[in-house]
Amino acid sequence: MKEYKFTFNGGGASPKSKGFWLKVLIMALAIFITSLLFSIVKANPLSAFVAAVVISLLNNSLRPLLAMISLPLIIFSFGLFYIVINAIIVLLASWLIPGFEVNGLFNAILFSIIVTLLSYLIELPTKYRRIQDSEDDSDDDKGSNVFTSYEDVTPEKDNEKTEE
């Protein structure tokens, strides 16, 4: 019988993993850039890092619970209600962290969209490099299994029957 494992971390990386901390640093940079470019958020570098940690932990723990509670709204809005869930998490982080301020639901929605886009753009070169590395690895594997002609593939019994 197959065993299934259910976790409440929202499919995100564990806080013990290197990937989690890389995403936190990217999000902290995106939060700080957003605070410099737009007036919807106020954050210094330290509070941006703490906010990235808190938002990541809340995304791993609280977001799945909020998604289950609001599942009918998510289905009815074709998934757009996830933006409101992200905004609620941002507002909760803003309430918890001194020096990190986002005022109002609309500003939190804008903030979460901008930070998501900036995080994607900042992480894009890393993703591109990962794709190139995986293609290089798969090319090395394919090189050893490439046949040069049709005769190399056919079994010997078939060759004897065709010659008769």
N, C-alpha and C. Protein backbone atom coordinates (compact mmCIF):
# COMPACT_ATOMS: atom_id res chain seq x y z
N MET A 1 0.84 -1.18 0.00
CA MET A 1 0.00 0.00 0.00
C MET A 1 0.88 1.24 0.00
N LYS A 2 0.49 2.22 -0.79
CA LYS A 2 1.27 3.44 -0.92
C LYS A 2 0.96 4.38 0.24
N GLU A 3 2.00 4.99 0.80
CA GLU A 3 1.84 5.89 1.92
C GLU A 3 1.97 7.33 1.44
N TYR A 4 1.03 8.17 1.86
CA TYR A 4 1.05 9.58 1.47
C TYR A 4 1.39 10.42 2.69
N LYS A 5 2.20 11.43 2.44
CA LYS A 5 2.62 12.32 3.53
C LYS A 5 1.96 13.68 3.32
N PHE A 6 1.30 14.18 4.35
CA PHE A 6 0.63 15.47 4.29
C PHE A 6 1.35 16.45 5.20
N THR A 7 1.75 17.57 4.65
CA THR A 7 2.43 18.59 5.46
C THR A 7 1.69 19.91 5.36
N PHE A 8 1.85 20.73 6.36
CA PHE A 8 1.21 22.04 6.38
C PHE A 8 2.16 23.15 6.00
N ASN A 9 3.24 22.87 5.29
CA ASN A 9 4.18 23.93 4.98
C ASN A 9 3.90 24.59 3.64
N GLY A 10 2.79 24.29 3.02
CA GLY A 10 2.40 24.96 1.79
C GLY A 10 3.28 24.62 0.60
N GLY A 11 4.00 23.53 0.68
CA GLY A 11 4.86 23.16 -0.42
C GLY A 11 6.15 23.95 -0.48
N GLY A 12 6.35 24.83 0.48
CA GLY A 12 7.56 25.65 0.49
C GLY A 12 8.73 24.90 1.08
N ALA A 13 9.88 25.50 0.97
CA ALA A 13 11.09 24.89 1.50
C ALA A 13 11.09 24.97 3.03
N SER A 14 11.73 24.02 3.65
CA SER A 14 11.85 23.99 5.09
C SER A 14 12.81 25.09 5.54
N PRO A 15 12.56 25.71 6.70
CA PRO A 15 13.48 26.74 7.20
C PRO A 15 14.89 26.21 7.46
N LYS A 16 15.07 24.90 7.48
CA LYS A 16 16.39 24.31 7.67
C LYS A 16 17.17 24.22 6.37
N SER A 17 16.51 24.43 5.24
CA SER A 17 17.18 24.23 3.95
C SER A 17 17.84 25.52 3.45
N LYS A 18 18.82 25.31 2.59
CA LYS A 18 19.53 26.44 1.99
C LYS A 18 18.61 27.22 1.04
N GLY A 19 17.70 26.51 0.37
CA GLY A 19 16.78 27.15 -0.56
C GLY A 19 15.85 28.15 0.13
N PHE A 20 15.43 27.81 1.35
CA PHE A 20 14.57 28.71 2.11
C PHE A 20 15.28 30.03 2.38
N TRP A 21 16.53 29.95 2.82
CA TRP A 21 17.27 31.17 3.18
C TRP A 21 17.65 31.98 1.95
N LEU A 22 17.86 31.31 0.82
CA LEU A 22 18.11 32.03 -0.42
C LEU A 22 16.86 32.82 -0.83
N LYS A 23 15.70 32.18 -0.71
CA LYS A 23 14.44 32.88 -1.02
C LYS A 23 14.18 34.03 -0.05
N VAL A 24 14.55 33.84 1.22
CA VAL A 24 14.39 34.92 2.21
C VAL A 24 15.27 36.11 1.84
N LEU A 25 16.51 35.86 1.45
CA LEU A 25 17.40 36.96 1.06
C LEU A 25 16.88 37.68 -0.19
N ILE A 26 16.37 36.92 -1.14
CA ILE A 26 15.82 37.53 -2.35
C ILE A 26 14.59 38.36 -2.00
N MET A 27 13.72 37.82 -1.12
CA MET A 27 12.54 38.58 -0.72
C MET A 27 12.91 39.82 0.08
N ALA A 28 13.94 39.72 0.93
CA ALA A 28 14.38 40.89 1.70
C ALA A 28 14.88 41.98 0.77
N LEU A 29 15.62 41.60 -0.24
CA LEU A 29 16.10 42.58 -1.21
C LEU A 29 14.92 43.21 -1.96
N ALA A 30 13.94 42.39 -2.34
CA ALA A 30 12.76 42.91 -3.04
C ALA A 30 11.95 43.85 -2.14
N ILE A 31 11.83 43.51 -0.86
CA ILE A 31 11.10 44.38 0.08
C ILE A 31 11.83 45.71 0.24
N PHE A 32 13.14 45.67 0.38
CA PHE A 32 13.90 46.90 0.54
C PHE A 32 13.83 47.76 -0.71
N ILE A 33 13.95 47.16 -1.89
CA ILE A 33 13.82 47.92 -3.15
C ILE A 33 12.44 48.54 -3.27
N THR A 34 11.41 47.77 -2.89
CA THR A 34 10.04 48.30 -2.93
C THR A 34 9.89 49.48 -1.98
N SER A 35 10.51 49.40 -0.81
CA SER A 35 10.40 50.52 0.14
C SER A 35 11.13 51.76 -0.37
N LEU A 36 12.17 51.58 -1.18
CA LEU A 36 12.88 52.72 -1.74
C LEU A 36 12.11 53.35 -2.91
N LEU A 37 11.45 52.51 -3.70
CA LEU A 37 10.77 53.00 -4.91
C LEU A 37 9.36 53.50 -4.68
N PHE A 38 8.65 52.93 -3.72
CA PHE A 38 7.24 53.25 -3.52
C PHE A 38 6.98 53.69 -2.09
N SER A 39 5.97 54.52 -1.93
CA SER A 39 5.66 55.02 -0.59
C SER A 39 4.62 54.16 0.13
N ILE A 40 4.25 53.01 -0.43
CA ILE A 40 3.23 52.16 0.21
C ILE A 40 3.80 51.35 1.37
N VAL A 41 5.13 51.30 1.46
CA VAL A 41 5.77 50.54 2.54
C VAL A 41 6.96 51.33 3.07
N LYS A 42 7.18 51.19 4.36
CA LYS A 42 8.35 51.80 4.99
C LYS A 42 9.16 50.68 5.65
N ALA A 43 10.42 50.58 5.24
CA ALA A 43 11.28 49.53 5.81
C ALA A 43 12.74 49.93 5.64
N ASN A 44 13.53 49.61 6.66
CA ASN A 44 14.98 49.75 6.55
C ASN A 44 15.55 48.36 6.23
N PRO A 45 16.84 48.25 5.95
CA PRO A 45 17.38 46.94 5.56
C PRO A 45 17.16 45.84 6.61
N LEU A 46 17.33 46.16 7.89
CA LEU A 46 17.13 45.15 8.92
C LEU A 46 15.67 44.72 9.02
N SER A 47 14.76 45.69 9.02
CA SER A 47 13.34 45.32 9.11
C SER A 47 12.87 44.62 7.83
N ALA A 48 13.48 44.92 6.69
CA ALA A 48 13.14 44.21 5.45
C ALA A 48 13.55 42.73 5.56
N PHE A 49 14.73 42.48 6.14
CA PHE A 49 15.16 41.08 6.32
C PHE A 49 14.25 40.35 7.31
N VAL A 50 13.94 41.00 8.44
CA VAL A 50 13.07 40.38 9.44
C VAL A 50 11.68 40.15 8.85
N ALA A 51 11.19 41.11 8.06
CA ALA A 51 9.89 40.95 7.41
C ALA A 51 9.91 39.79 6.43
N ALA A 52 11.00 39.62 5.70
CA ALA A 52 11.10 38.50 4.76
C ALA A 52 11.07 37.17 5.50
N VAL A 53 11.76 37.09 6.64
CA VAL A 53 11.74 35.85 7.44
C VAL A 53 10.34 35.58 7.96
N VAL A 54 9.70 36.60 8.54
CA VAL A 54 8.37 36.42 9.12
C VAL A 54 7.35 36.08 8.04
N ILE A 55 7.39 36.77 6.91
CA ILE A 55 6.44 36.49 5.83
C ILE A 55 6.66 35.07 5.29
N SER A 56 7.91 34.65 5.16
CA SER A 56 8.18 33.29 4.68
C SER A 56 7.66 32.24 5.67
N LEU A 57 7.89 32.47 6.96
CA LEU A 57 7.39 31.53 7.96
C LEU A 57 5.86 31.51 8.00
N LEU A 58 5.24 32.69 7.87
CA LEU A 58 3.78 32.74 7.84
C LEU A 58 3.24 32.07 6.57
N ASN A 59 3.93 32.24 5.46
CA ASN A 59 3.52 31.57 4.22
C ASN A 59 3.59 30.06 4.36
N ASN A 60 4.60 29.56 5.07
CA ASN A 60 4.74 28.12 5.25
C ASN A 60 3.76 27.55 6.27
N SER A 61 3.35 28.35 7.25
CA SER A 61 2.51 27.81 8.31
C SER A 61 1.06 28.27 8.23
N LEU A 62 0.83 29.56 8.05
CA LEU A 62 -0.52 30.10 8.14
C LEU A 62 -1.27 30.09 6.80
N ARG A 63 -0.56 30.25 5.71
CA ARG A 63 -1.22 30.34 4.40
C ARG A 63 -2.03 29.09 4.05
N PRO A 64 -1.52 27.86 4.28
CA PRO A 64 -2.35 26.70 3.96
C PRO A 64 -3.65 26.66 4.76
N LEU A 65 -3.59 27.08 6.03
CA LEU A 65 -4.78 27.12 6.86
C LEU A 65 -5.77 28.16 6.34
N LEU A 66 -5.28 29.35 6.00
CA LEU A 66 -6.15 30.38 5.44
C LEU A 66 -6.74 29.93 4.09
N ALA A 67 -5.96 29.20 3.31
CA ALA A 67 -6.45 28.72 2.02
C ALA A 67 -7.56 27.68 2.21
N MET A 68 -7.41 26.81 3.21
CA MET A 68 -8.47 25.82 3.45
C MET A 68 -9.75 26.49 3.94
N ILE A 69 -9.60 27.48 4.81
CA ILE A 69 -10.78 28.17 5.33
C ILE A 69 -11.49 28.93 4.22
N SER A 70 -10.75 29.55 3.33
CA SER A 70 -11.35 30.38 2.28
C SER A 70 -11.44 29.66 0.94
N LEU A 71 -11.44 28.35 0.93
CA LEU A 71 -11.47 27.58 -0.31
C LEU A 71 -12.65 27.95 -1.23
N PRO A 72 -13.86 28.13 -0.70
CA PRO A 72 -14.96 28.53 -1.60
C PRO A 72 -14.70 29.88 -2.29
N LEU A 73 -14.12 30.82 -1.57
CA LEU A 73 -13.81 32.13 -2.18
C LEU A 73 -12.70 32.00 -3.22
N ILE A 74 -11.74 31.14 -2.96
CA ILE A 74 -10.66 30.93 -3.92
C ILE A 74 -11.21 30.32 -5.21
N ILE A 75 -12.09 29.33 -5.06
CA ILE A 75 -12.69 28.69 -6.24
C ILE A 75 -13.57 29.68 -6.98
N PHE A 76 -14.40 30.41 -6.25
CA PHE A 76 -15.32 31.37 -6.87
C PHE A 76 -14.58 32.48 -7.61
N SER A 77 -13.41 32.88 -7.11
CA SER A 77 -12.64 33.97 -7.74
C SER A 77 -11.57 33.45 -8.69
N PHE A 78 -11.59 32.15 -8.97
CA PHE A 78 -10.60 31.52 -9.85
C PHE A 78 -9.17 31.75 -9.35
N GLY A 79 -8.98 31.71 -8.03
CA GLY A 79 -7.66 31.81 -7.44
C GLY A 79 -7.20 33.22 -7.11
N LEU A 80 -7.97 34.22 -7.50
CA LEU A 80 -7.55 35.60 -7.22
C LEU A 80 -7.62 35.94 -5.74
N PHE A 81 -8.36 35.17 -4.97
CA PHE A 81 -8.44 35.45 -3.53
C PHE A 81 -7.11 35.17 -2.84
N TYR A 82 -6.21 34.42 -3.49
CA TYR A 82 -4.88 34.22 -2.94
C TYR A 82 -4.16 35.56 -2.75
N ILE A 83 -4.45 36.53 -3.58
CA ILE A 83 -3.84 37.86 -3.44
C ILE A 83 -4.27 38.49 -2.12
N VAL A 84 -5.53 38.31 -1.76
CA VAL A 84 -6.03 38.83 -0.48
C VAL A 84 -5.38 38.09 0.68
N ILE A 85 -5.19 36.78 0.53
CA ILE A 85 -4.52 36.01 1.59
C ILE A 85 -3.08 36.51 1.76
N ASN A 86 -2.38 36.76 0.65
CA ASN A 86 -1.03 37.32 0.73
C ASN A 86 -1.05 38.68 1.43
N ALA A 87 -2.03 39.50 1.11
CA ALA A 87 -2.14 40.82 1.73
C ALA A 87 -2.39 40.70 3.23
N ILE A 88 -3.20 39.74 3.64
CA ILE A 88 -3.45 39.53 5.07
C ILE A 88 -2.16 39.13 5.78
N ILE A 89 -1.37 38.28 5.15
CA ILE A 89 -0.09 37.86 5.74
C ILE A 89 0.86 39.04 5.83
N VAL A 90 0.88 39.90 4.82
CA VAL A 90 1.73 41.10 4.84
C VAL A 90 1.28 42.04 5.95
N LEU A 91 -0.03 42.23 6.10
CA LEU A 91 -0.53 43.10 7.17
C LEU A 91 -0.21 42.53 8.55
N LEU A 92 -0.29 41.22 8.70
CA LEU A 92 0.06 40.59 9.97
C LEU A 92 1.55 40.78 10.27
N ALA A 93 2.39 40.63 9.26
CA ALA A 93 3.83 40.87 9.44
C ALA A 93 4.09 42.33 9.78
N SER A 94 3.36 43.23 9.15
CA SER A 94 3.50 44.66 9.44
C SER A 94 3.12 44.97 10.88
N TRP A 95 2.13 44.28 11.37
CA TRP A 95 1.68 44.47 12.75
C TRP A 95 2.71 43.90 13.74
N LEU A 96 3.38 42.81 13.35
CA LEU A 96 4.32 42.14 14.25
C LEU A 96 5.70 42.79 14.30
N ILE A 97 6.12 43.43 13.21
CA ILE A 97 7.51 43.89 13.09
C ILE A 97 7.59 45.41 13.20
N PRO A 98 8.29 45.93 14.21
CA PRO A 98 8.49 47.37 14.27
C PRO A 98 9.47 47.81 13.19
N GLY A 99 9.18 48.90 12.54
CA GLY A 99 10.04 49.40 11.46
C GLY A 99 9.61 48.93 10.09
N PHE A 100 8.64 48.05 10.02
CA PHE A 100 8.09 47.58 8.75
C PHE A 100 6.61 47.95 8.74
N GLU A 101 6.26 48.93 7.90
CA GLU A 101 4.90 49.46 7.91
C GLU A 101 4.25 49.38 6.54
N VAL A 102 3.09 48.74 6.52
CA VAL A 102 2.22 48.73 5.34
C VAL A 102 0.84 49.08 5.86
N ASN A 103 0.28 50.18 5.37
CA ASN A 103 -1.01 50.65 5.88
C ASN A 103 -2.12 50.36 4.89
N GLY A 104 -3.07 49.57 5.30
CA GLY A 104 -4.27 49.32 4.51
C GLY A 104 -4.17 48.08 3.62
N LEU A 105 -5.33 47.52 3.34
CA LEU A 105 -5.42 46.30 2.54
C LEU A 105 -4.99 46.54 1.10
N PHE A 106 -5.40 47.66 0.52
CA PHE A 106 -5.03 47.95 -0.86
C PHE A 106 -3.51 48.09 -1.01
N ASN A 107 -2.88 48.79 -0.08
CA ASN A 107 -1.41 48.93 -0.11
C ASN A 107 -0.74 47.57 0.07
N ALA A 108 -1.30 46.71 0.93
CA ALA A 108 -0.74 45.38 1.13
C ALA A 108 -0.88 44.53 -0.14
N ILE A 109 -2.00 44.68 -0.85
CA ILE A 109 -2.17 43.95 -2.12
C ILE A 109 -1.15 44.43 -3.13
N LEU A 110 -1.01 45.75 -3.28
CA LEU A 110 -0.01 46.31 -4.19
C LEU A 110 1.41 45.86 -3.81
N PHE A 111 1.70 45.92 -2.53
CA PHE A 111 3.01 45.52 -2.04
C PHE A 111 3.31 44.07 -2.37
N SER A 112 2.34 43.18 -2.13
CA SER A 112 2.60 41.76 -2.40
C SER A 112 2.79 41.49 -3.88
N ILE A 113 2.06 42.20 -4.74
CA ILE A 113 2.24 42.03 -6.19
C ILE A 113 3.62 42.54 -6.62
N ILE A 114 4.01 43.71 -6.13
CA ILE A 114 5.31 44.30 -6.51
C ILE A 114 6.46 43.43 -6.01
N VAL A 115 6.37 42.95 -4.76
CA VAL A 115 7.44 42.12 -4.21
C VAL A 115 7.53 40.79 -4.96
N THR A 116 6.39 40.23 -5.34
CA THR A 116 6.40 38.99 -6.12
C THR A 116 7.09 39.20 -7.46
N LEU A 117 6.77 40.29 -8.14
CA LEU A 117 7.41 40.57 -9.43
C LEU A 117 8.91 40.83 -9.28
N LEU A 118 9.27 41.63 -8.29
CA LEU A 118 10.69 41.91 -8.06
C LEU A 118 11.47 40.65 -7.67
N SER A 119 10.87 39.82 -6.83
CA SER A 119 11.53 38.57 -6.44
C SER A 119 11.74 37.67 -7.66
N TYR A 120 10.75 37.63 -8.52
CA TYR A 120 10.87 36.84 -9.75
C TYR A 120 12.01 37.36 -10.62
N LEU A 121 12.07 38.69 -10.78
CA LEU A 121 13.11 39.28 -11.62
C LEU A 121 14.51 39.10 -11.01
N ILE A 122 14.61 39.20 -9.70
CA ILE A 122 15.90 39.01 -9.04
C ILE A 122 16.34 37.55 -9.13
N GLU A 123 15.40 36.63 -9.03
CA GLU A 123 15.72 35.20 -9.04
C GLU A 123 15.87 34.63 -10.45
N LEU A 124 15.49 35.38 -11.46
CA LEU A 124 15.50 34.90 -12.84
C LEU A 124 16.88 34.42 -13.31
N PRO A 125 17.97 35.15 -13.09
CA PRO A 125 19.28 34.64 -13.53
C PRO A 125 19.65 33.30 -12.88
N THR A 126 19.30 33.13 -11.62
CA THR A 126 19.58 31.87 -10.93
C THR A 126 18.79 30.72 -11.56
N LYS A 127 17.52 30.97 -11.86
CA LYS A 127 16.70 29.94 -12.50
C LYS A 127 17.23 29.61 -13.88
N TYR A 128 17.63 30.62 -14.63
CA TYR A 128 18.16 30.41 -15.97
C TYR A 128 19.44 29.57 -15.92
N ARG A 129 20.31 29.86 -14.95
CA ARG A 129 21.55 29.10 -14.79
C ARG A 129 21.25 27.66 -14.41
N ARG A 130 20.25 27.45 -13.54
CA ARG A 130 19.87 26.10 -13.14
C ARG A 130 19.35 25.30 -14.33
N ILE A 131 18.57 25.94 -15.21
CA ILE A 131 18.04 25.27 -16.39
C ILE A 131 19.18 24.91 -17.33
N GLN A 132 20.12 25.82 -17.53
CA GLN A 132 21.26 25.52 -18.40
C GLN A 132 22.10 24.38 -17.84
N ASP A 133 22.31 24.37 -16.54
CA ASP A 133 23.09 23.28 -15.93
C ASP A 133 22.38 21.94 -16.10
N SER A 134 21.06 21.92 -15.94
CA SER A 134 20.34 20.66 -16.08
C SER A 134 20.35 20.20 -17.54
N GLU A 135 20.31 21.14 -18.50
CA GLU A 135 20.40 20.76 -19.91
C GLU A 135 21.78 20.21 -20.23
N ASP A 136 22.82 20.80 -19.67
CA ASP A 136 24.17 20.30 -19.88
C ASP A 136 24.33 18.90 -19.32
N ASP A 137 23.75 18.66 -18.14
CA ASP A 137 23.81 17.33 -17.54
C ASP A 137 23.06 16.31 -18.37
N SER A 138 21.90 16.70 -18.91
CA SER A 138 21.12 15.75 -19.71
C SER A 138 21.80 15.49 -21.05
N ASP A 139 22.52 16.46 -21.60
CA ASP A 139 23.26 16.24 -22.85
C ASP A 139 24.38 15.23 -22.63
N ASP A 140 25.02 15.27 -21.47
CA ASP A 140 26.08 14.31 -21.17
C ASP A 140 25.51 12.90 -21.08
N ASP A 141 24.32 12.75 -20.50
CA ASP A 141 23.69 11.44 -20.38
C ASP A 141 23.28 10.91 -21.74
N LYS A 142 22.78 11.77 -22.61
CA LYS A 142 22.31 11.34 -23.93
C LYS A 142 23.47 10.90 -24.81
N GLY A 143 24.63 11.48 -24.63
CA GLY A 143 25.76 11.17 -25.48
C GLY A 143 26.18 9.72 -25.39
N SER A 144 26.01 9.08 -24.27
CA SER A 144 26.44 7.70 -24.12
C SER A 144 25.43 6.71 -24.69
N ASN A 145 24.19 7.12 -24.93
CA ASN A 145 23.17 6.22 -25.41
C ASN A 145 22.78 6.46 -26.86
N VAL A 146 23.50 7.24 -27.58
CA VAL A 146 23.15 7.56 -28.95
C VAL A 146 23.68 6.45 -29.87
N PHE A 147 22.79 5.93 -30.74
CA PHE A 147 23.17 4.91 -31.71
C PHE A 147 23.56 5.60 -33.00
N THR A 148 24.53 5.03 -33.68
CA THR A 148 25.03 5.66 -34.89
C THR A 148 24.25 5.25 -36.13
N SER A 149 23.70 4.03 -36.16
CA SER A 149 22.93 3.62 -37.33
C SER A 149 21.82 2.68 -36.92
N TYR A 150 20.95 2.38 -37.85
CA TYR A 150 19.80 1.54 -37.58
C TYR A 150 20.23 0.12 -37.22
N GLU A 151 21.29 -0.37 -37.83
CA GLU A 151 21.75 -1.73 -37.59
C GLU A 151 22.19 -1.93 -36.14
N ASP A 152 22.67 -0.90 -35.49
CA ASP A 152 23.09 -1.03 -34.10
C ASP A 152 21.92 -1.31 -33.17
N VAL A 153 20.72 -0.95 -33.58
CA VAL A 153 19.54 -1.09 -32.74
C VAL A 153 18.89 -2.45 -32.92
N THR A 154 18.93 -3.00 -34.11
CA THR A 154 18.20 -4.24 -34.39
C THR A 154 18.90 -5.44 -33.78
N PRO A 155 18.11 -6.37 -33.26
CA PRO A 155 18.71 -7.59 -32.72
C PRO A 155 19.28 -8.44 -33.84
N GLU A 156 20.18 -9.34 -33.50
CA GLU A 156 20.86 -10.15 -34.51
C GLU A 156 19.93 -11.14 -35.17
N LYS A 157 18.92 -11.66 -34.50
CA LYS A 157 18.00 -12.61 -35.10
C LYS A 157 17.26 -11.98 -36.26
N ASP A 158 16.86 -10.71 -36.13
CA ASP A 158 16.17 -10.02 -37.21
C ASP A 158 17.09 -9.83 -38.42
N ASN A 159 18.36 -9.60 -38.17
CA ASN A 159 19.33 -9.43 -39.27
C ASN A 159 19.48 -10.72 -40.07
N GLU A 160 19.48 -11.88 -39.39
CA GLU A 160 19.64 -13.16 -40.07
C GLU A 160 18.43 -13.47 -40.93
N LYS A 161 17.20 -13.14 -40.46
CA LYS A 161 16.00 -13.41 -41.24
C LYS A 161 15.93 -12.55 -42.48
N THR A 162 16.38 -11.31 -42.41
CA THR A 162 16.30 -10.41 -43.55
C THR A 162 17.32 -10.78 -44.61
N GLU A 163 18.43 -11.40 -44.23
CA GLU A 163 19.46 -11.78 -45.20
C GLU A 163 19.04 -13.00 -45.99
N GLU A 164 18.18 -13.87 -45.46
CA GLU A 164 17.78 -15.10 -46.16
C GLU A 164 16.79 -14.84 -47.20
